[in-house]
PDB file of all heavy atoms in Angstrom:
ATOM      1  N   CYS A   1      15.425  -3.012 -26.464  1.00  0.00           N
ATOM      2  CA  CYS A   1      14.087  -2.564 -26.034  1.00  0.00           C
ATOM      3  C   CYS A   1      13.820  -2.952 -24.598  1.00  0.00           C
ATOM      4  O   CYS A   1      13.217  -2.205 -23.824  1.00  0.00           O
ATOM      5  CB  CYS A   1      12.988  -3.173 -26.928  1.00  0.00           C
ATOM      6  SG  CYS A   1      13.025  -2.517 -28.622  1.00  0.00           S
ATOM      7  N   SER A   2      14.276  -4.164 -24.191  1.00  0.00           N
ATOM      8  CA  SER A   2      14.042  -4.602 -22.811  1.00  0.00           C
ATOM      9  C   SER A   2      14.770  -3.720 -21.821  1.00  0.00           C
ATOM     10  O   SER A   2      14.320  -3.522 -20.700  1.00  0.00           O
ATOM     11  CB  SER A   2      14.463  -6.054 -22.638  1.00  0.00           C
ATOM     12  OG  SER A   2      15.879  -6.182 -22.814  1.00  0.00           O
ATOM     13  N   ARG A   3      15.954  -3.175 -22.243  1.00  0.00           N
ATOM     14  CA  ARG A   3      16.670  -2.273 -21.348  1.00  0.00           C
ATOM     15  C   ARG A   3      16.021  -0.909 -21.284  1.00  0.00           C
ATOM     16  O   ARG A   3      16.083  -0.227 -20.273  1.00  0.00           O
ATOM     17  CB  ARG A   3      18.127  -2.131 -21.828  1.00  0.00           C
ATOM     18  CG  ARG A   3      18.951  -3.400 -21.653  1.00  0.00           C
ATOM     19  CD  ARG A   3      20.434  -3.092 -21.797  1.00  0.00           C
ATOM     20  NE  ARG A   3      20.759  -2.490 -23.104  1.00  0.00           N
ATOM     21  CZ  ARG A   3      21.112  -3.196 -24.173  1.00  0.00           C
ATOM     22  NH1 ARG A   3      21.166  -4.514 -24.085  1.00  0.00           N
ATOM     23  NH2 ARG A   3      21.383  -2.591 -25.297  1.00  0.00           N
ATOM     24  N   MET A   4      15.386  -0.471 -22.341  1.00  0.00           N
ATOM     25  CA  MET A   4      14.766   0.858 -22.381  1.00  0.00           C
ATOM     26  C   MET A   4      13.432   0.897 -21.697  1.00  0.00           C
ATOM     27  O   MET A   4      12.993   1.918 -21.156  1.00  0.00           O
ATOM     28  CB  MET A   4      14.579   1.317 -23.842  1.00  0.00           C
ATOM     29  CG  MET A   4      15.875   1.539 -24.576  1.00  0.00           C
ATOM     30  SD  MET A   4      16.865   2.855 -23.814  1.00  0.00           S
ATOM     31  CE  MET A   4      15.823   4.267 -24.175  1.00  0.00           C
ATOM     32  N   LEU A   5      12.649  -0.215 -21.682  1.00  0.00           N
ATOM     33  CA  LEU A   5      11.296  -0.236 -21.100  1.00  0.00           C
ATOM     34  C   LEU A   5      11.386  -0.555 -19.621  1.00  0.00           C
ATOM     35  O   LEU A   5      11.497  -1.711 -19.214  1.00  0.00           O
ATOM     36  CB  LEU A   5      10.445  -1.284 -21.817  1.00  0.00           C
ATOM     37  CG  LEU A   5      10.145  -0.996 -23.277  1.00  0.00           C
ATOM     38  CD1 LEU A   5       9.388  -2.153 -23.895  1.00  0.00           C
ATOM     39  CD2 LEU A   5       9.347   0.298 -23.407  1.00  0.00           C
ATOM     40  N   THR A   6      11.390   0.473 -18.769  1.00  0.00           N
ATOM     41  CA  THR A   6      11.408   0.311 -17.320  1.00  0.00           C
ATOM     42  C   THR A   6      10.129   0.889 -16.777  1.00  0.00           C
ATOM     43  O   THR A   6       9.656   1.928 -17.227  1.00  0.00           O
ATOM     44  CB  THR A   6      12.608   1.019 -16.694  1.00  0.00           C
ATOM     45  OG1 THR A   6      12.536   2.391 -17.059  1.00  0.00           O
ATOM     46  CG2 THR A   6      13.897   0.407 -17.155  1.00  0.00           C
ATOM     47  N   PRO A   7       9.483   0.243 -15.787  1.00  0.00           N
ATOM     48  CA  PRO A   7       8.219   0.746 -15.240  1.00  0.00           C
ATOM     49  C   PRO A   7       8.401   2.063 -14.523  1.00  0.00           C
ATOM     50  O   PRO A   7       9.366   2.270 -13.809  1.00  0.00           O
ATOM     51  CB  PRO A   7       7.785  -0.368 -14.277  1.00  0.00           C
ATOM     52  CG  PRO A   7       9.067  -1.074 -13.917  1.00  0.00           C
ATOM     53  CD  PRO A   7       9.938  -0.983 -15.118  1.00  0.00           C
ATOM     54  N   ALA A   8       7.431   2.995 -14.708  1.00  0.00           N
ATOM     55  CA  ALA A   8       7.484   4.291 -14.041  1.00  0.00           C
ATOM     56  C   ALA A   8       6.960   4.197 -12.629  1.00  0.00           C
ATOM     57  O   ALA A   8       7.250   5.022 -11.783  1.00  0.00           O
ATOM     58  CB  ALA A   8       6.670   5.333 -14.824  1.00  0.00           C
ATOM     59  N   PHE A   9       6.177   3.168 -12.323  1.00  0.00           N
ATOM     60  CA  PHE A   9       5.588   3.029 -10.992  1.00  0.00           C
ATOM     61  C   PHE A   9       5.542   1.551 -10.664  1.00  0.00           C
ATOM     62  O   PHE A   9       4.770   0.802 -11.248  1.00  0.00           O
ATOM     63  CB  PHE A   9       4.182   3.625 -10.974  1.00  0.00           C
ATOM     64  CG  PHE A   9       3.508   3.562  -9.628  1.00  0.00           C
ATOM     65  CD1 PHE A   9       3.701   4.567  -8.730  1.00  0.00           C
ATOM     66  CD2 PHE A   9       2.687   2.507  -9.303  1.00  0.00           C
ATOM     67  CE1 PHE A   9       3.081   4.548  -7.505  1.00  0.00           C
ATOM     68  CE2 PHE A   9       2.061   2.462  -8.085  1.00  0.00           C
ATOM     69  CZ  PHE A   9       2.262   3.479  -7.180  1.00  0.00           C
ATOM     70  N   ALA A  10       6.399   1.087  -9.833  1.00  0.00           N
ATOM     71  CA  ALA A  10       6.462  -0.340  -9.548  1.00  0.00           C
ATOM     72  C   ALA A  10       7.017  -0.565  -8.173  1.00  0.00           C
ATOM     73  O   ALA A  10       7.660   0.290  -7.591  1.00  0.00           O
ATOM     74  CB  ALA A  10       7.343  -1.053 -10.583  1.00  0.00           C
ATOM     75  N   GLN A  11       6.731  -1.740  -7.639  1.00  0.00           N
ATOM     76  CA  GLN A  11       7.281  -2.101  -6.347  1.00  0.00           C
ATOM     77  C   GLN A  11       8.787  -2.291  -6.492  1.00  0.00           C
ATOM     78  O   GLN A  11       9.268  -2.853  -7.478  1.00  0.00           O
ATOM     79  CB  GLN A  11       6.657  -3.391  -5.840  1.00  0.00           C
ATOM     80  CG  GLN A  11       7.206  -3.823  -4.473  1.00  0.00           C
ATOM     81  CD  GLN A  11       6.527  -5.084  -3.979  1.00  0.00           C
ATOM     82  OE1 GLN A  11       5.603  -5.554  -4.639  1.00  0.00           O
ATOM     83  NE2 GLN A  11       6.979  -5.611  -2.877  1.00  0.00           N
ATOM     84  N   ALA A  12       9.539  -1.805  -5.486  1.00  0.00           N
ATOM     85  CA  ALA A  12      10.986  -1.954  -5.538  1.00  0.00           C
ATOM     86  C   ALA A  12      11.367  -3.429  -5.450  1.00  0.00           C
ATOM     87  O   ALA A  12      10.884  -4.145  -4.581  1.00  0.00           O
ATOM     88  CB  ALA A  12      11.635  -1.158  -4.412  1.00  0.00           C
ATOM     89  N   LEU A  13      12.218  -3.870  -6.363  1.00  0.00           N
ATOM     90  CA  LEU A  13      12.640  -5.263  -6.367  1.00  0.00           C
ATOM     91  C   LEU A  13      14.012  -5.377  -5.705  1.00  0.00           C
ATOM     92  O   LEU A  13      14.828  -4.452  -5.753  1.00  0.00           O
ATOM     93  CB  LEU A  13      12.727  -5.773  -7.814  1.00  0.00           C
ATOM     94  CG  LEU A  13      11.401  -5.776  -8.577  1.00  0.00           C
ATOM     95  CD1 LEU A  13      11.637  -6.213 -10.008  1.00  0.00           C
ATOM     96  CD2 LEU A  13      10.377  -6.701  -7.894  1.00  0.00           C
ATOM     97  N   PRO A  14      14.304  -6.513  -5.098  1.00  0.00           N
ATOM     98  CA  PRO A  14      15.616  -6.684  -4.456  1.00  0.00           C
ATOM     99  C   PRO A  14      16.742  -6.541  -5.467  1.00  0.00           C
ATOM    100  O   PRO A  14      16.705  -7.181  -6.537  1.00  0.00           O
ATOM    101  CB  PRO A  14      15.542  -8.118  -3.888  1.00  0.00           C
ATOM    102  CG  PRO A  14      14.083  -8.413  -3.796  1.00  0.00           C
ATOM    103  CD  PRO A  14      13.438  -7.671  -4.912  1.00  0.00           C
ATOM    104  N   PRO A  15      17.732  -5.686  -5.230  1.00  0.00           N
ATOM    105  CA  PRO A  15      18.843  -5.543  -6.162  1.00  0.00           C
ATOM    106  C   PRO A  15      19.754  -6.759  -6.123  1.00  0.00           C
ATOM    107  O   PRO A  15      19.728  -7.556  -5.184  1.00  0.00           O
ATOM    108  CB  PRO A  15      19.563  -4.287  -5.644  1.00  0.00           C
ATOM    109  CG  PRO A  15      19.234  -4.258  -4.171  1.00  0.00           C
ATOM    110  CD  PRO A  15      17.856  -4.811  -4.044  1.00  0.00           C
ATOM    111  N   THR A  16      20.558  -6.892  -7.161  1.00  0.00           N
ATOM    112  CA  THR A  16      21.470  -8.021  -7.225  1.00  0.00           C
ATOM    113  C   THR A  16      22.596  -7.876  -6.205  1.00  0.00           C
ATOM    114  O   THR A  16      23.172  -8.878  -5.770  1.00  0.00           O
ATOM    115  CB  THR A  16      22.054  -8.122  -8.641  1.00  0.00           C
ATOM    116  OG1 THR A  16      22.662  -6.876  -8.989  1.00  0.00           O
ATOM    117  CG2 THR A  16      20.938  -8.405  -9.635  1.00  0.00           C
ATOM    118  N   ASN A  17      22.924  -6.633  -5.809  1.00  0.00           N
ATOM    119  CA  ASN A  17      23.956  -6.424  -4.813  1.00  0.00           C
ATOM    120  C   ASN A  17      23.515  -7.022  -3.486  1.00  0.00           C
ATOM    121  O   ASN A  17      22.378  -6.840  -3.051  1.00  0.00           O
ATOM    122  CB  ASN A  17      24.209  -4.916  -4.656  1.00  0.00           C
ATOM    123  CG  ASN A  17      25.470  -4.651  -3.869  1.00  0.00           C
ATOM    124  OD1 ASN A  17      25.751  -5.295  -2.860  1.00  0.00           O
ATOM    125  ND2 ASN A  17      26.242  -3.662  -4.327  1.00  0.00           N
ATOM    126  N   SER A  18      24.392  -7.759  -2.828  1.00  0.00           N
ATOM    127  CA  SER A  18      24.037  -8.427  -1.590  1.00  0.00           C
ATOM    128  C   SER A  18      23.835  -7.439  -0.457  1.00  0.00           C
ATOM    129  O   SER A  18      23.217  -7.773   0.549  1.00  0.00           O
ATOM    130  CB  SER A  18      25.131  -9.425  -1.222  1.00  0.00           C
ATOM    131  OG  SER A  18      26.381  -8.760  -1.051  1.00  0.00           O
ATOM    132  N   GLN A  19      24.378  -6.216  -0.556  1.00  0.00           N
ATOM    133  CA  GLN A  19      24.216  -5.208   0.478  1.00  0.00           C
ATOM    134  C   GLN A  19      22.893  -4.462   0.247  1.00  0.00           C
ATOM    135  O   GLN A  19      22.815  -3.554  -0.569  1.00  0.00           O
ATOM    136  CB  GLN A  19      25.409  -4.237   0.457  1.00  0.00           C
ATOM    137  CG  GLN A  19      26.733  -4.902   0.801  1.00  0.00           C
ATOM    138  CD  GLN A  19      27.868  -3.897   0.832  1.00  0.00           C
ATOM    139  OE1 GLN A  19      27.709  -2.760   0.431  1.00  0.00           O
ATOM    140  NE2 GLN A  19      29.019  -4.351   1.320  1.00  0.00           N
ATOM    141  N   THR A  20      21.866  -4.885   0.946  1.00  0.00           N
ATOM    142  CA  THR A  20      20.546  -4.293   0.813  1.00  0.00           C
ATOM    143  C   THR A  20      19.975  -3.920   2.156  1.00  0.00           C
ATOM    144  O   THR A  20      20.464  -4.348   3.212  1.00  0.00           O
ATOM    145  CB  THR A  20      19.590  -5.267   0.119  1.00  0.00           C
ATOM    146  OG1 THR A  20      19.419  -6.412   0.948  1.00  0.00           O
ATOM    147  CG2 THR A  20      20.080  -5.672  -1.255  1.00  0.00           C
ATOM    148  N   GLU A  21      18.937  -3.106   2.131  1.00  0.00           N
ATOM    149  CA  GLU A  21      18.187  -2.746   3.331  1.00  0.00           C
ATOM    150  C   GLU A  21      16.709  -2.708   2.966  1.00  0.00           C
ATOM    151  O   GLU A  21      16.360  -2.544   1.793  1.00  0.00           O
ATOM    152  CB  GLU A  21      18.646  -1.411   3.891  1.00  0.00           C
ATOM    153  CG  GLU A  21      18.444  -0.244   2.957  1.00  0.00           C
ATOM    154  CD  GLU A  21      18.958   1.065   3.540  1.00  0.00           C
ATOM    155  OE1 GLU A  21      19.639   1.018   4.577  1.00  0.00           O
ATOM    156  OE2 GLU A  21      18.698   2.125   2.948  1.00  0.00           O
ATOM    157  N   THR A  22      15.889  -2.852   3.961  1.00  0.00           N
ATOM    158  CA  THR A  22      14.445  -2.859   3.715  1.00  0.00           C
ATOM    159  C   THR A  22      13.759  -1.786   4.532  1.00  0.00           C
ATOM    160  O   THR A  22      14.217  -1.409   5.634  1.00  0.00           O
ATOM    161  CB  THR A  22      13.822  -4.229   4.074  1.00  0.00           C
ATOM    162  OG1 THR A  22      14.067  -4.491   5.469  1.00  0.00           O
ATOM    163  CG2 THR A  22      14.415  -5.337   3.237  1.00  0.00           C
ATOM    164  N   ILE A  23      12.697  -1.259   3.979  1.00  0.00           N
ATOM    165  CA  ILE A  23      11.787  -0.359   4.696  1.00  0.00           C
ATOM    166  C   ILE A  23      10.461  -1.091   4.784  1.00  0.00           C
ATOM    167  O   ILE A  23       9.897  -1.487   3.765  1.00  0.00           O
ATOM    168  CB  ILE A  23      11.622   0.975   3.955  1.00  0.00           C
ATOM    169  CG1 ILE A  23      12.936   1.739   3.922  1.00  0.00           C
ATOM    170  CG2 ILE A  23      10.535   1.825   4.594  1.00  0.00           C
ATOM    171  CD1 ILE A  23      12.884   3.034   3.137  1.00  0.00           C
ATOM    172  N   GLN A  24       9.997  -1.288   5.974  1.00  0.00           N
ATOM    173  CA  GLN A  24       8.762  -2.021   6.167  1.00  0.00           C
ATOM    174  C   GLN A  24       7.887  -1.349   7.213  1.00  0.00           C
ATOM    175  O   GLN A  24       8.358  -0.537   8.006  1.00  0.00           O
ATOM    176  CB  GLN A  24       9.046  -3.466   6.553  1.00  0.00           C
ATOM    177  CG  GLN A  24       9.853  -3.634   7.817  1.00  0.00           C
ATOM    178  CD  GLN A  24      10.233  -5.078   8.050  1.00  0.00           C
ATOM    179  OE1 GLN A  24       9.791  -5.974   7.335  1.00  0.00           O
ATOM    180  NE2 GLN A  24      11.041  -5.339   9.066  1.00  0.00           N
ATOM    181  N   GLY A  25       6.626  -1.696   7.185  1.00  0.00           N
ATOM    182  CA  GLY A  25       5.705  -1.097   8.128  1.00  0.00           C
ATOM    183  C   GLY A  25       4.317  -1.644   7.976  1.00  0.00           C
ATOM    184  O   GLY A  25       4.077  -2.628   7.266  1.00  0.00           O
ATOM    185  N   THR A  26       3.365  -0.968   8.617  1.00  0.00           N
ATOM    186  CA  THR A  26       1.970  -1.404   8.625  1.00  0.00           C
ATOM    187  C   THR A  26       1.065  -0.200   8.446  1.00  0.00           C
ATOM    188  O   THR A  26       1.320   0.872   9.001  1.00  0.00           O
ATOM    189  CB  THR A  26       1.623  -2.106   9.953  1.00  0.00           C
ATOM    190  OG1 THR A  26       2.557  -3.146  10.191  1.00  0.00           O
ATOM    191  CG2 THR A  26       0.218  -2.682   9.917  1.00  0.00           C
ATOM    192  N   VAL A  27       0.012  -0.373   7.664  1.00  0.00           N
ATOM    193  CA  VAL A  27      -1.015   0.653   7.506  1.00  0.00           C
ATOM    194  C   VAL A  27      -2.169   0.288   8.433  1.00  0.00           C
ATOM    195  O   VAL A  27      -2.669  -0.837   8.406  1.00  0.00           O
ATOM    196  CB  VAL A  27      -1.503   0.728   6.040  1.00  0.00           C
ATOM    197  CG1 VAL A  27      -2.603   1.768   5.899  1.00  0.00           C
ATOM    198  CG2 VAL A  27      -0.337   1.077   5.122  1.00  0.00           C
ATOM    199  N   VAL A  28      -2.571   1.271   9.265  1.00  0.00           N
ATOM    200  CA  VAL A  28      -3.609   0.983  10.276  1.00  0.00           C
ATOM    201  C   VAL A  28      -4.729   2.006  10.195  1.00  0.00           C
ATOM    202  O   VAL A  28      -4.560   3.121   9.680  1.00  0.00           O
ATOM    203  CB  VAL A  28      -3.012   0.987  11.702  1.00  0.00           C
ATOM    204  CG1 VAL A  28      -1.928  -0.080  11.827  1.00  0.00           C
ATOM    205  CG2 VAL A  28      -2.480   2.345  12.064  1.00  0.00           C
ATOM    206  N   ASN A  29      -5.881   1.621  10.738  1.00  0.00           N
ATOM    207  CA  ASN A  29      -7.034   2.494  10.895  1.00  0.00           C
ATOM    208  C   ASN A  29      -6.770   3.405  12.081  1.00  0.00           C
ATOM    209  O   ASN A  29      -6.526   2.927  13.197  1.00  0.00           O
ATOM    210  CB  ASN A  29      -8.282   1.655  11.111  1.00  0.00           C
ATOM    211  CG  ASN A  29      -9.549   2.495  11.174  1.00  0.00           C
ATOM    212  OD1 ASN A  29      -9.619   3.513  11.852  1.00  0.00           O
ATOM    213  ND2 ASN A  29     -10.594   2.015  10.487  1.00  0.00           N
ATOM    214  N   SER A  30      -6.801   4.724  11.873  1.00  0.00           N
ATOM    215  CA  SER A  30      -6.452   5.666  12.942  1.00  0.00           C
ATOM    216  C   SER A  30      -7.456   5.668  14.086  1.00  0.00           C
ATOM    217  O   SER A  30      -7.157   6.106  15.190  1.00  0.00           O
ATOM    218  CB  SER A  30      -6.343   7.071  12.378  1.00  0.00           C
ATOM    219  OG  SER A  30      -7.596   7.539  11.924  1.00  0.00           O
ATOM    220  N   VAL A  31      -8.670   5.149  13.845  1.00  0.00           N
ATOM    221  CA  VAL A  31      -9.702   5.121  14.864  1.00  0.00           C
ATOM    222  C   VAL A  31      -9.679   3.811  15.646  1.00  0.00           C
ATOM    223  O   VAL A  31      -9.638   3.785  16.871  1.00  0.00           O
ATOM    224  CB  VAL A  31     -11.098   5.365  14.252  1.00  0.00           C
ATOM    225  CG1 VAL A  31     -12.192   5.236  15.318  1.00  0.00           C
ATOM    226  CG2 VAL A  31     -11.164   6.731  13.601  1.00  0.00           C
ATOM    227  N   THR A  32      -9.676   2.700  14.932  1.00  0.00           N
ATOM    228  CA  THR A  32      -9.708   1.380  15.587  1.00  0.00           C
ATOM    229  C   THR A  32      -8.322   0.795  15.807  1.00  0.00           C
ATOM    230  O   THR A  32      -8.177  -0.181  16.540  1.00  0.00           O
ATOM    231  CB  THR A  32     -10.539   0.398  14.741  1.00  0.00           C
ATOM    232  OG1 THR A  32      -9.862   0.181  13.472  1.00  0.00           O
ATOM    233  CG2 THR A  32     -11.937   0.948  14.470  1.00  0.00           C
ATOM    234  N   HIS A  33      -7.302   1.365  15.116  1.00  0.00           N
ATOM    235  CA  HIS A  33      -5.925   0.868  15.166  1.00  0.00           C
ATOM    236  C   HIS A  33      -5.783  -0.533  14.593  1.00  0.00           C
ATOM    237  O   HIS A  33      -4.778  -1.196  14.830  1.00  0.00           O
ATOM    238  CB  HIS A  33      -5.385   0.913  16.596  1.00  0.00           C
ATOM    239  CG  HIS A  33      -5.483   2.265  17.236  1.00  0.00           C
ATOM    240  ND1 HIS A  33      -4.764   3.342  16.810  1.00  0.00           N
ATOM    241  CD2 HIS A  33      -6.292   2.703  18.252  1.00  0.00           C
ATOM    242  CE1 HIS A  33      -5.061   4.415  17.541  1.00  0.00           C
ATOM    243  NE2 HIS A  33      -6.002   4.040  18.415  1.00  0.00           N
ATOM    244  N   GLU A  34      -6.771  -0.979  13.836  1.00  0.00           N
ATOM    245  CA  GLU A  34      -6.691  -2.277  13.182  1.00  0.00           C
ATOM    246  C   GLU A  34      -5.905  -2.133  11.865  1.00  0.00           C
ATOM    247  O   GLU A  34      -5.961  -1.097  11.210  1.00  0.00           O
ATOM    248  CB  GLU A  34      -8.088  -2.814  12.897  1.00  0.00           C
ATOM    249  CG  GLU A  34      -8.916  -3.095  14.131  1.00  0.00           C
ATOM    250  CD  GLU A  34     -10.310  -3.558  13.786  1.00  0.00           C
ATOM    251  OE1 GLU A  34     -10.698  -3.402  12.612  1.00  0.00           O
ATOM    252  OE2 GLU A  34     -11.012  -4.061  14.690  1.00  0.00           O
ATOM    253  N   PRO A  35      -5.171  -3.192  11.468  1.00  0.00           N
ATOM    254  CA  PRO A  35      -4.440  -3.135  10.193  1.00  0.00           C
ATOM    255  C   PRO A  35      -5.392  -3.083   9.007  1.00  0.00           C
ATOM    256  O   PRO A  35      -6.508  -3.612   9.067  1.00  0.00           O
ATOM    257  CB  PRO A  35      -3.626  -4.431  10.197  1.00  0.00           C
ATOM    258  CG  PRO A  35      -4.357  -5.343  11.113  1.00  0.00           C
ATOM    259  CD  PRO A  35      -4.974  -4.473  12.181  1.00  0.00           C
ATOM    260  N   ILE A  36      -4.946  -2.452   7.938  1.00  0.00           N
ATOM    261  CA  ILE A  36      -5.767  -2.274   6.726  1.00  0.00           C
ATOM    262  C   ILE A  36      -5.103  -3.054   5.594  1.00  0.00           C
ATOM    263  O   ILE A  36      -4.004  -2.708   5.147  1.00  0.00           O
ATOM    264  CB  ILE A  36      -5.908  -0.793   6.340  1.00  0.00           C
ATOM    265  CG1 ILE A  36      -6.533  -0.020   7.491  1.00  0.00           C
ATOM    266  CG2 ILE A  36      -6.729  -0.651   5.081  1.00  0.00           C
ATOM    267  CD1 ILE A  36      -6.590   1.482   7.230  1.00  0.00           C
ATOM    268  N   GLY A  37      -5.768  -4.097   5.147  1.00  0.00           N
ATOM    269  CA  GLY A  37      -5.252  -4.884   4.035  1.00  0.00           C
ATOM    270  C   GLY A  37      -5.614  -4.287   2.701  1.00  0.00           C
ATOM    271  O   GLY A  37      -6.583  -3.522   2.562  1.00  0.00           O
ATOM    272  N   ARG A  38      -4.824  -4.598   1.670  1.00  0.00           N
ATOM    273  CA  ARG A  38      -5.036  -4.151   0.290  1.00  0.00           C
ATOM    274  C   ARG A  38      -5.068  -2.626   0.186  1.00  0.00           C
ATOM    275  O   ARG A  38      -5.813  -2.064  -0.603  1.00  0.00           O
ATOM    276  CB  ARG A  38      -6.327  -4.747  -0.296  1.00  0.00           C
ATOM    277  CG  ARG A  38      -6.409  -6.259  -0.222  1.00  0.00           C
ATOM    278  CD  ARG A  38      -5.239  -6.911  -0.928  1.00  0.00           C
ATOM    279  NE  ARG A  38      -5.217  -6.559  -2.360  1.00  0.00           N
ATOM    280  CZ  ARG A  38      -4.173  -6.794  -3.163  1.00  0.00           C
ATOM    281  NH1 ARG A  38      -3.051  -7.327  -2.678  1.00  0.00           N
ATOM    282  NH2 ARG A  38      -4.236  -6.474  -4.443  1.00  0.00           N
ATOM    283  N   ALA A  39      -4.223  -1.970   0.974  1.00  0.00           N
ATOM    284  CA  ALA A  39      -4.034  -0.528   0.835  1.00  0.00           C
ATOM    285  C   ALA A  39      -2.812  -0.275  -0.040  1.00  0.00           C
ATOM    286  O   ALA A  39      -1.837  -1.023  -0.001  1.00  0.00           O
ATOM    287  CB  ALA A  39      -3.856   0.128   2.203  1.00  0.00           C
ATOM    288  N   LEU A  40      -2.867   0.785  -0.825  1.00  0.00           N
ATOM    289  CA  LEU A  40      -1.732   1.137  -1.680  1.00  0.00           C
ATOM    290  C   LEU A  40      -0.765   2.019  -0.910  1.00  0.00           C
ATOM    291  O   LEU A  40      -1.153   3.055  -0.383  1.00  0.00           O
ATOM    292  CB  LEU A  40      -2.231   1.880  -2.919  1.00  0.00           C
ATOM    293  CG  LEU A  40      -1.161   2.455  -3.846  1.00  0.00           C
ATOM    294  CD1 LEU A  40      -0.329   1.340  -4.470  1.00  0.00           C
ATOM    295  CD2 LEU A  40      -1.791   3.321  -4.931  1.00  0.00           C
ATOM    296  N   VAL A  41       0.490   1.594  -0.841  1.00  0.00           N
ATOM    297  CA  VAL A  41       1.566   2.380  -0.238  1.00  0.00           C
ATOM    298  C   VAL A  41       2.481   2.833  -1.359  1.00  0.00           C
ATOM    299  O   VAL A  41       2.948   2.000  -2.158  1.00  0.00           O
ATOM    300  CB  VAL A  41       2.352   1.578   0.815  1.00  0.00           C
ATOM    301  CG1 VAL A  41       3.431   2.439   1.446  1.00  0.00           C
ATOM    302  CG2 VAL A  41       1.404   1.020   1.866  1.00  0.00           C
ATOM    303  N   PHE A  42       2.746   4.125  -1.457  1.00  0.00           N
ATOM    304  CA  PHE A  42       3.485   4.635  -2.605  1.00  0.00           C
ATOM    305  C   PHE A  42       4.281   5.869  -2.220  1.00  0.00           C
ATOM    306  O   PHE A  42       4.062   6.520  -1.201  1.00  0.00           O
ATOM    307  CB  PHE A  42       2.519   4.980  -3.741  1.00  0.00           C
ATOM    308  CG  PHE A  42       1.511   6.046  -3.383  1.00  0.00           C
ATOM    309  CD1 PHE A  42       1.709   7.358  -3.749  1.00  0.00           C
ATOM    310  CD2 PHE A  42       0.373   5.710  -2.657  1.00  0.00           C
ATOM    311  CE1 PHE A  42       0.787   8.341  -3.409  1.00  0.00           C
ATOM    312  CE2 PHE A  42      -0.554   6.678  -2.317  1.00  0.00           C
ATOM    313  CZ  PHE A  42      -0.359   7.997  -2.693  1.00  0.00           C
ATOM    314  N   SER A  43       5.268   6.175  -3.072  1.00  0.00           N
ATOM    315  CA  SER A  43       6.034   7.404  -2.917  1.00  0.00           C
ATOM    316  C   SER A  43       5.330   8.526  -3.666  1.00  0.00           C
ATOM    317  O   SER A  43       4.713   8.296  -4.698  1.00  0.00           O
ATOM    318  CB  SER A  43       7.457   7.216  -3.456  1.00  0.00           C
ATOM    319  OG  SER A  43       7.421   6.877  -4.834  1.00  0.00           O
ATOM    320  N   PRO A  44       5.395   9.776  -3.130  1.00  0.00           N
ATOM    321  CA  PRO A  44       4.700  10.890  -3.780  1.00  0.00           C
ATOM    322  C   PRO A  44       5.126  11.135  -5.226  1.00  0.00           C
ATOM    323  O   PRO A  44       4.347  11.657  -6.022  1.00  0.00           O
ATOM    324  CB  PRO A  44       5.057  12.087  -2.893  1.00  0.00           C
ATOM    325  CG  PRO A  44       5.371  11.483  -1.566  1.00  0.00           C
ATOM    326  CD  PRO A  44       6.025  10.168  -1.866  1.00  0.00           C
TER     327      PRO A  44
END
């Protein structure tokens, strides 16, 4: 059951393989250019 129950929408977790890469960035206000905290970033 633990192998079958995988989340459909979750933050990507670091894989066990040591060869990894990261995608990172910042969400900002387009008018003030200030960063926006507690914003949801997601794939379509």
